[in-house]
């Protein structure tokens, strides 16, 4: 579980089961290196389930979700 700020900061693209296409979120307070290491350690059955907490909101990112760094290309 990580405390952070949502809706600002590093843009992340999420894809995977339960997501229709892709969604973009922004997260401040979690270093880019965290996401790089998470992506390197996602081989089944390994991986990290991540819970982002901000101002009473919780965003869960299961280990089956692919996280790419960078804004959505239009």
PDB file of N, CA and C in Angstrom:
ATOM      1  N   UNK A   1       0.858  -1.155   0.000  1.00  0.00           N
ATOM      2  CA  UNK A   1       0.000   0.000   0.000  1.00  0.00           C
ATOM      3  C   UNK A   1       0.907   1.221   0.000  1.00  0.00           C
ATOM      4  N   UNK A   2       0.638   2.157  -0.931  1.00  0.00           N
ATOM      5  CA  UNK A   2       1.478   3.341  -1.076  1.00  0.00           C
ATOM      6  C   UNK A   2       0.641   4.602  -0.959  1.00  0.00           C
ATOM      7  N   UNK A   3       1.077   5.526  -0.124  1.00  0.00           N
ATOM      8  CA  UNK A   3       0.452   6.838  -0.083  1.00  0.00           C
ATOM      9  C   UNK A   3       0.982   7.663  -1.242  1.00  0.00           C
ATOM     10  N   UNK A   4       0.107   8.385  -1.921  1.00  0.00           N
ATOM     11  CA  UNK A   4       0.519   9.132  -3.106  1.00  0.00           C
ATOM     12  C   UNK A   4      -0.499  10.228  -3.383  1.00  0.00           C
ATOM     13  N   UNK A   5      -0.301  10.917  -4.487  1.00  0.00           N
ATOM     14  CA  UNK A   5      -1.285  11.873  -4.987  1.00  0.00           C
ATOM     15  C   UNK A   5      -1.740  11.379  -6.347  1.00  0.00           C
ATOM     16  N   UNK A   6      -3.041  11.313  -6.536  1.00  0.00           N
ATOM     17  CA  UNK A   6      -3.601  10.896  -7.815  1.00  0.00           C
ATOM     18  C   UNK A   6      -4.018  12.128  -8.606  1.00  0.00           C
ATOM     19  N   UNK A   7      -4.132  11.986  -9.897  1.00  0.00           N
ATOM     20  CA  UNK A   7      -4.567  13.029 -10.829  1.00  0.00           C
ATOM     21  C   UNK A   7      -3.492  14.072 -11.104  1.00  0.00           C
ATOM     22  N   UNK A   8      -2.263  13.798 -10.695  1.00  0.00           N
ATOM     23  CA  UNK A   8      -1.134  14.647 -11.058  1.00  0.00           C
ATOM     24  C   UNK A   8       0.129  13.808 -10.966  1.00  0.00           C
ATOM     25  N   UNK A   9       1.169  14.233 -11.664  1.00  0.00           N
ATOM     26  CA  UNK A   9       2.425  13.504 -11.586  1.00  0.00           C
ATOM     27  C   UNK A   9       2.689  12.645 -12.799  1.00  0.00           C
ATOM     28  N   UNK A  10       3.398  11.549 -12.582  1.00  0.00           N
ATOM     29  CA  UNK A  10       3.849  10.649 -13.633  1.00  0.00           C
ATOM     30  C   UNK A  10       2.658   9.992 -14.328  1.00  0.00           C
ATOM     31  N   UNK A  11       2.553  10.118 -15.668  1.00  0.00           N
ATOM     32  CA  UNK A  11       1.462   9.444 -16.377  1.00  0.00           C
ATOM     33  C   UNK A  11       1.759   7.952 -16.534  1.00  0.00           C
ATOM     34  N   UNK A  12       0.753   7.133 -16.246  1.00  0.00           N
ATOM     35  CA  UNK A  12       0.864   5.684 -16.369  1.00  0.00           C
ATOM     36  C   UNK A  12      -0.292   5.168 -17.212  1.00  0.00           C
ATOM     37  N   UNK A  13      -0.002   4.260 -18.120  1.00  0.00           N
ATOM     38  CA  UNK A  13      -1.027   3.605 -18.929  1.00  0.00           C
ATOM     39  C   UNK A  13      -1.247   2.199 -18.391  1.00  0.00           C
ATOM     40  N   UNK A  14      -2.497   1.873 -18.098  1.00  0.00           N
ATOM     41  CA  UNK A  14      -2.842   0.571 -17.546  1.00  0.00           C
ATOM     42  C   UNK A  14      -3.622  -0.232 -18.572  1.00  0.00           C
ATOM     43  N   UNK A  15      -3.228  -1.494 -18.769  1.00  0.00           N
ATOM     44  CA  UNK A  15      -3.947  -2.417 -19.642  1.00  0.00           C
ATOM     45  C   UNK A  15      -3.992  -3.776 -18.963  1.00  0.00           C
ATOM     46  N   UNK A  16      -4.972  -4.569 -19.346  1.00  0.00           N
ATOM     47  CA  UNK A  16      -5.048  -5.919 -18.815  1.00  0.00           C
ATOM     48  C   UNK A  16      -6.465  -6.336 -18.523  1.00  0.00           C
ATOM     49  N   UNK A  17      -6.618  -7.481 -17.847  1.00  0.00           N
ATOM     50  CA  UNK A  17      -7.945  -8.004 -17.540  1.00  0.00           C
ATOM     51  C   UNK A  17      -8.792  -6.993 -16.767  1.00  0.00           C
ATOM     52  N   UNK A  18     -10.035  -6.819 -17.208  1.00  0.00           N
ATOM     53  CA  UNK A  18     -10.951  -5.903 -16.538  1.00  0.00           C
ATOM     54  C   UNK A  18     -10.871  -4.469 -17.012  1.00  0.00           C
ATOM     55  N   UNK A  19      -9.925  -4.166 -17.900  1.00  0.00           N
ATOM     56  CA  UNK A  19      -9.778  -2.809 -18.431  1.00  0.00           C
ATOM     57  C   UNK A  19     -10.150  -2.850 -19.904  1.00  0.00           C
ATOM     58  N   UNK A  20     -11.115  -2.037 -20.295  1.00  0.00           N
ATOM     59  CA  UNK A  20     -11.554  -1.966 -21.685  1.00  0.00           C
ATOM     60  C   UNK A  20     -10.563  -1.101 -22.455  1.00  0.00           C
ATOM     61  N   UNK A  21      -9.653  -1.724 -23.178  1.00  0.00           N
ATOM     62  CA  UNK A  21      -8.613  -0.984 -23.902  1.00  0.00           C
ATOM     63  C   UNK A  21      -7.496  -0.605 -22.960  1.00  0.00           C
ATOM     64  N   UNK A  22      -7.377   0.696 -22.698  1.00  0.00           N
ATOM     65  CA  UNK A  22      -6.365   1.182 -21.761  1.00  0.00           C
ATOM     66  C   UNK A  22      -6.910   2.398 -21.037  1.00  0.00           C
ATOM     67  N   UNK A  23      -6.381   2.651 -19.853  1.00  0.00           N
ATOM     68  CA  UNK A  23      -6.713   3.877 -19.140  1.00  0.00           C
ATOM     69  C   UNK A  23      -5.416   4.549 -18.731  1.00  0.00           C
ATOM     70  N   UNK A  24      -5.468   5.868 -18.626  1.00  0.00           N
ATOM     71  CA  UNK A  24      -4.308   6.638 -18.177  1.00  0.00           C
ATOM     72  C   UNK A  24      -4.615   7.218 -16.809  1.00  0.00           C
ATOM     73  N   UNK A  25      -3.667   7.046 -15.895  1.00  0.00           N
ATOM     74  CA  UNK A  25      -3.756   7.678 -14.587  1.00  0.00           C
ATOM     75  C   UNK A  25      -2.493   8.500 -14.390  1.00  0.00           C
ATOM     76  N   UNK A  26      -2.520   9.386 -13.414  1.00  0.00           N
ATOM     77  CA  UNK A  26      -1.325  10.136 -13.040  1.00  0.00           C
ATOM     78  C   UNK A  26      -1.091   9.927 -11.554  1.00  0.00           C
ATOM     79  N   UNK A  27       0.167   9.680 -11.200  1.00  0.00           N
ATOM     80  CA  UNK A  27       0.522   9.371  -9.819  1.00  0.00           C
ATOM     81  C   UNK A  27       1.753  10.179  -9.427  1.00  0.00           C
ATOM     82  N   UNK A  28       1.641  10.948  -8.355  1.00  0.00           N
ATOM     83  CA  UNK A  28       2.786  11.665  -7.787  1.00  0.00           C
ATOM     84  C   UNK A  28       3.130  11.027  -6.443  1.00  0.00           C
ATOM     85  N   UNK A  29       4.396  11.018  -6.113  1.00  0.00           N
ATOM     86  CA  UNK A  29       4.833  10.480  -4.831  1.00  0.00           C
ATOM     87  C   UNK A  29       5.327   9.051  -4.893  1.00  0.00           C
ATOM     88  N   UNK A  30       5.271   8.439  -6.069  1.00  0.00           N
ATOM     89  CA  UNK A  30       5.821   7.099  -6.272  1.00  0.00           C
ATOM     90  C   UNK A  30       6.872   7.238  -7.365  1.00  0.00           C
ATOM     91  N   UNK A  31       8.130   6.945  -7.078  1.00  0.00           N
ATOM     92  CA  UNK A  31       9.181   7.170  -8.071  1.00  0.00           C
ATOM     93  C   UNK A  31       9.023   6.284  -9.311  1.00  0.00           C
ATOM     94  N   UNK A  32       9.480   6.799 -10.430  1.00  0.00           N
ATOM     95  CA  UNK A  32       9.442   6.050 -11.690  1.00  0.00           C
ATOM     96  C   UNK A  32      10.151   4.707 -11.545  1.00  0.00           C
ATOM     97  N   UNK A  33      11.219   4.673 -10.756  1.00  0.00           N
ATOM     98  CA  UNK A  33      11.976   3.425 -10.568  1.00  0.00           C
ATOM     99  C   UNK A  33      11.119   2.322  -9.945  1.00  0.00           C
ATOM    100  N   UNK A  34      10.140   2.677  -9.119  1.00  0.00           N
ATOM    101  CA  UNK A  34       9.231   1.680  -8.540  1.00  0.00           C
ATOM    102  C   UNK A  34       8.497   0.928  -9.639  1.00  0.00           C
ATOM    103  N   UNK A  35       7.971   1.668 -10.624  1.00  0.00           N
ATOM    104  CA  UNK A  35       7.200   1.054 -11.711  1.00  0.00           C
ATOM    105  C   UNK A  35       8.104   0.217 -12.621  1.00  0.00           C
ATOM    106  N   UNK A  36       9.337   0.667 -12.805  1.00  0.00           N
ATOM    107  CA  UNK A  36      10.284  -0.099 -13.623  1.00  0.00           C
ATOM    108  C   UNK A  36      10.573  -1.446 -12.963  1.00  0.00           C
ATOM    109  N   UNK A  37      10.862  -1.436 -11.664  1.00  0.00           N
ATOM    110  CA  UNK A  37      11.139  -2.684 -10.941  1.00  0.00           C
ATOM    111  C   UNK A  37       9.897  -3.571 -10.921  1.00  0.00           C
ATOM    112  N   UNK A  38       8.719  -2.987 -10.688  1.00  0.00           N
ATOM    113  CA  UNK A  38       7.479  -3.772 -10.684  1.00  0.00           C
ATOM    114  C   UNK A  38       7.303  -4.494 -12.014  1.00  0.00           C
ATOM    115  N   UNK A  39       7.552  -3.792 -13.115  1.00  0.00           N
ATOM    116  CA  UNK A  39       7.381  -4.392 -14.440  1.00  0.00           C
ATOM    117  C   UNK A  39       8.373  -5.524 -14.694  1.00  0.00           C
ATOM    118  N   UNK A  40       9.537  -5.465 -14.071  1.00  0.00           N
ATOM    119  CA  UNK A  40      10.543  -6.514 -14.257  1.00  0.00           C
ATOM    120  C   UNK A  40      10.226  -7.771 -13.454  1.00  0.00           C
ATOM    121  N   UNK A  41       9.349  -7.655 -12.471  1.00  0.00           N
ATOM    122  CA  UNK A  41       9.077  -8.769 -11.554  1.00  0.00           C
ATOM    123  C   UNK A  41       7.644  -9.282 -11.676  1.00  0.00           C
ATOM    124  N   UNK A  42       7.110  -9.318 -12.892  1.00  0.00           N
ATOM    125  CA  UNK A  42       5.711  -9.714 -13.047  1.00  0.00           C
ATOM    126  C   UNK A  42       5.517 -11.074 -13.703  1.00  0.00           C
ATOM    127  N   UNK A  43       6.562 -11.870 -13.837  1.00  0.00           N
ATOM    128  CA  UNK A  43       6.405 -13.199 -14.423  1.00  0.00           C
ATOM    129  C   UNK A  43       5.551 -14.077 -13.512  1.00  0.00           C
ATOM    130  N   UNK A  44       4.565 -14.762 -14.101  1.00  0.00           N
ATOM    131  CA  UNK A  44       3.672 -15.618 -13.330  1.00  0.00           C
ATOM    132  C   UNK A  44       4.482 -16.668 -12.581  1.00  0.00           C
ATOM    133  N   UNK A  45       4.210 -16.970 -11.360  1.00  0.00           N
ATOM    134  CA  UNK A  45       3.133 -16.483 -10.503  1.00  0.00           C
ATOM    135  C   UNK A  45       3.553 -15.298  -9.641  1.00  0.00           C
ATOM    136  N   UNK A  46       4.664 -14.688  -9.985  1.00  0.00           N
ATOM    137  CA  UNK A  46       5.172 -13.562  -9.203  1.00  0.00           C
ATOM    138  C   UNK A  46       4.440 -12.286  -9.573  1.00  0.00           C
ATOM    139  N   UNK A  47       4.757 -11.237  -8.876  1.00  0.00           N
ATOM    140  CA  UNK A  47       4.190  -9.936  -9.190  1.00  0.00           C
ATOM    141  C   UNK A  47       3.778  -9.202  -7.930  1.00  0.00           C
ATOM    142  N   UNK A  48       3.474  -7.937  -8.117  1.00  0.00           N
ATOM    143  CA  UNK A  48       3.074  -7.088  -6.998  1.00  0.00           C
ATOM    144  C   UNK A  48       1.673  -6.572  -7.239  1.00  0.00           C
ATOM    145  N   UNK A  49       0.796  -6.794  -6.289  1.00  0.00           N
ATOM    146  CA  UNK A  49      -0.482  -6.102  -6.269  1.00  0.00           C
ATOM    147  C   UNK A  49      -0.219  -4.771  -5.577  1.00  0.00           C
ATOM    148  N   UNK A  50      -0.633  -3.678  -6.197  1.00  0.00           N
ATOM    149  CA  UNK A  50      -0.337  -2.345  -5.674  1.00  0.00           C
ATOM    150  C   UNK A  50      -1.638  -1.657  -5.297  1.00  0.00           C
ATOM    151  N   UNK A  51      -1.658  -1.042  -4.128  1.00  0.00           N
ATOM    152  CA  UNK A  51      -2.796  -0.253  -3.688  1.00  0.00           C
ATOM    153  C   UNK A  51      -2.316   1.175  -3.478  1.00  0.00           C
ATOM    154  N   UNK A  52      -2.848   2.095  -4.269  1.00  0.00           N
ATOM    155  CA  UNK A  52      -2.501   3.508  -4.156  1.00  0.00           C
ATOM    156  C   UNK A  52      -3.585   4.195  -3.333  1.00  0.00           C
ATOM    157  N   UNK A  53      -3.171   4.955  -2.319  1.00  0.00           N
ATOM    158  CA  UNK A  53      -4.110   5.586  -1.400  1.00  0.00           C
ATOM    159  C   UNK A  53      -3.886   7.090  -1.420  1.00  0.00           C
ATOM    160  N   UNK A  54      -4.994   7.841  -1.620  1.00  0.00           N
ATOM    161  CA  UNK A  54      -4.916   9.298  -1.627  1.00  0.00           C
ATOM    162  C   UNK A  54      -6.250   9.881  -1.179  1.00  0.00           C
ATOM    163  N   UNK A  55      -6.220  10.668  -0.128  1.00  0.00           N
ATOM    164  CA  UNK A  55      -7.376  11.452   0.295  1.00  0.00           C
ATOM    165  C   UNK A  55      -8.657  10.612   0.381  1.00  0.00           C
ATOM    166  N   UNK A  56      -8.567   9.457   1.021  1.00  0.00           N
ATOM    167  CA  UNK A  56      -9.732   8.603   1.190  1.00  0.00           C
ATOM    168  C   UNK A  56     -10.083   7.746  -0.016  1.00  0.00           C
ATOM    169  N   UNK A  57      -9.299   7.819  -1.081  1.00  0.00           N
ATOM    170  CA  UNK A  57      -9.522   7.008  -2.277  1.00  0.00           C
ATOM    171  C   UNK A  57      -8.484   5.886  -2.317  1.00  0.00           C
ATOM    172  N   UNK A  58      -8.886   4.736  -2.844  1.00  0.00           N
ATOM    173  CA  UNK A  58      -7.970   3.615  -3.026  1.00  0.00           C
ATOM    174  C   UNK A  58      -8.064   3.160  -4.473  1.00  0.00           C
ATOM    175  N   UNK A  59      -6.922   3.026  -5.131  1.00  0.00           N
ATOM    176  CA  UNK A  59      -6.855   2.502  -6.494  1.00  0.00           C
ATOM    177  C   UNK A  59      -6.010   1.237  -6.441  1.00  0.00           C
ATOM    178  N   UNK A  60      -6.621   0.096  -6.762  1.00  0.00           N
ATOM    179  CA  UNK A  60      -5.912  -1.184  -6.747  1.00  0.00           C
ATOM    180  C   UNK A  60      -5.421  -1.506  -8.147  1.00  0.00           C
ATOM    181  N   UNK A  61      -4.158  -1.893  -8.251  1.00  0.00           N
ATOM    182  CA  UNK A  61      -3.569  -2.330  -9.519  1.00  0.00           C
ATOM    183  C   UNK A  61      -3.074  -3.754  -9.292  1.00  0.00           C
ATOM    184  N   UNK A  62      -3.840  -4.751  -9.782  1.00  0.00           N
ATOM    185  CA  UNK A  62      -3.431  -6.135  -9.566  1.00  0.00           C
ATOM    186  C   UNK A  62      -2.200  -6.502 -10.380  1.00  0.00           C
ATOM    187  N   UNK A  63      -1.553  -7.572  -9.978  1.00  0.00           N
ATOM    188  CA  UNK A  63      -0.325  -8.014 -10.651  1.00  0.00           C
ATOM    189  C   UNK A  63      -0.553  -8.353 -12.111  1.00  0.00           C
ATOM    190  N   UNK A  64      -1.790  -8.645 -12.511  1.00  0.00           N
ATOM    191  CA  UNK A  64      -2.093  -8.983 -13.906  1.00  0.00           C
ATOM    192  C   UNK A  64      -2.219  -7.749 -14.802  1.00  0.00           C
ATOM    193  N   UNK A  65      -2.198  -6.555 -14.207  1.00  0.00           N
ATOM    194  CA  UNK A  65      -2.304  -5.318 -14.979  1.00  0.00           C
ATOM    195  C   UNK A  65      -0.925  -4.889 -15.459  1.00  0.00           C
ATOM    196  N   UNK A  66      -0.828  -4.582 -16.740  1.00  0.00           N
ATOM    197  CA  UNK A  66       0.421  -4.064 -17.309  1.00  0.00           C
ATOM    198  C   UNK A  66       0.447  -2.556 -17.106  1.00  0.00           C
ATOM    199  N   UNK A  67       1.559  -2.050 -16.591  1.00  0.00           N
ATOM    200  CA  UNK A  67       1.727  -0.620 -16.339  1.00  0.00           C
ATOM    201  C   UNK A  67       2.852  -0.109 -17.225  1.00  0.00           C
ATOM    202  N   UNK A  68       2.525   0.838 -18.097  1.00  0.00           N
ATOM    203  CA  UNK A  68       3.526   1.466 -18.954  1.00  0.00           C
ATOM    204  C   UNK A  68       3.667   2.926 -18.566  1.00  0.00           C
ATOM    205  N   UNK A  69       4.897   3.393 -18.535  1.00  0.00           N
ATOM    206  CA  UNK A  69       5.182   4.771 -18.157  1.00  0.00           C
ATOM    207  C   UNK A  69       5.078   5.652 -19.388  1.00  0.00           C
ATOM    208  N   UNK A  70       4.383   6.767 -19.244  1.00  0.00           N
ATOM    209  CA  UNK A  70       4.284   7.728 -20.333  1.00  0.00           C
ATOM    210  C   UNK A  70       2.848   8.018 -20.698  1.00  0.00           C
ATOM    211  N   UNK A  71       2.615   9.185 -21.271  1.00  0.00           N
ATOM    212  CA  UNK A  71       1.247   9.560 -21.639  1.00  0.00           C
ATOM    213  C   UNK A  71       0.746   8.745 -22.821  1.00  0.00           C
ATOM    214  N   UNK A  72      -0.557   8.688 -22.925  1.00  0.00           N
ATOM    215  CA  UNK A  72      -1.218   8.005 -24.041  1.00  0.00           C
ATOM    216  C   UNK A  72      -0.863   8.718 -25.329  1.00  0.00           C
ATOM    217  N   UNK A  73      -0.499   7.969 -26.357  1.00  0.00           N
ATOM    218  CA  UNK A  73      -0.217   8.588 -27.660  1.00  0.00           C
ATOM    219  C   UNK A  73      -1.534   8.726 -28.409  1.00  0.00           C
ATOM    220  N   UNK A  74      -1.803   9.926 -28.894  1.00  0.00           N
ATOM    221  CA  UNK A  74      -3.099  10.196 -29.541  1.00  0.00           C
ATOM    222  C   UNK A  74      -2.997  10.062 -31.020  1.00  0.00           C
TER     223      UNK A  74
END
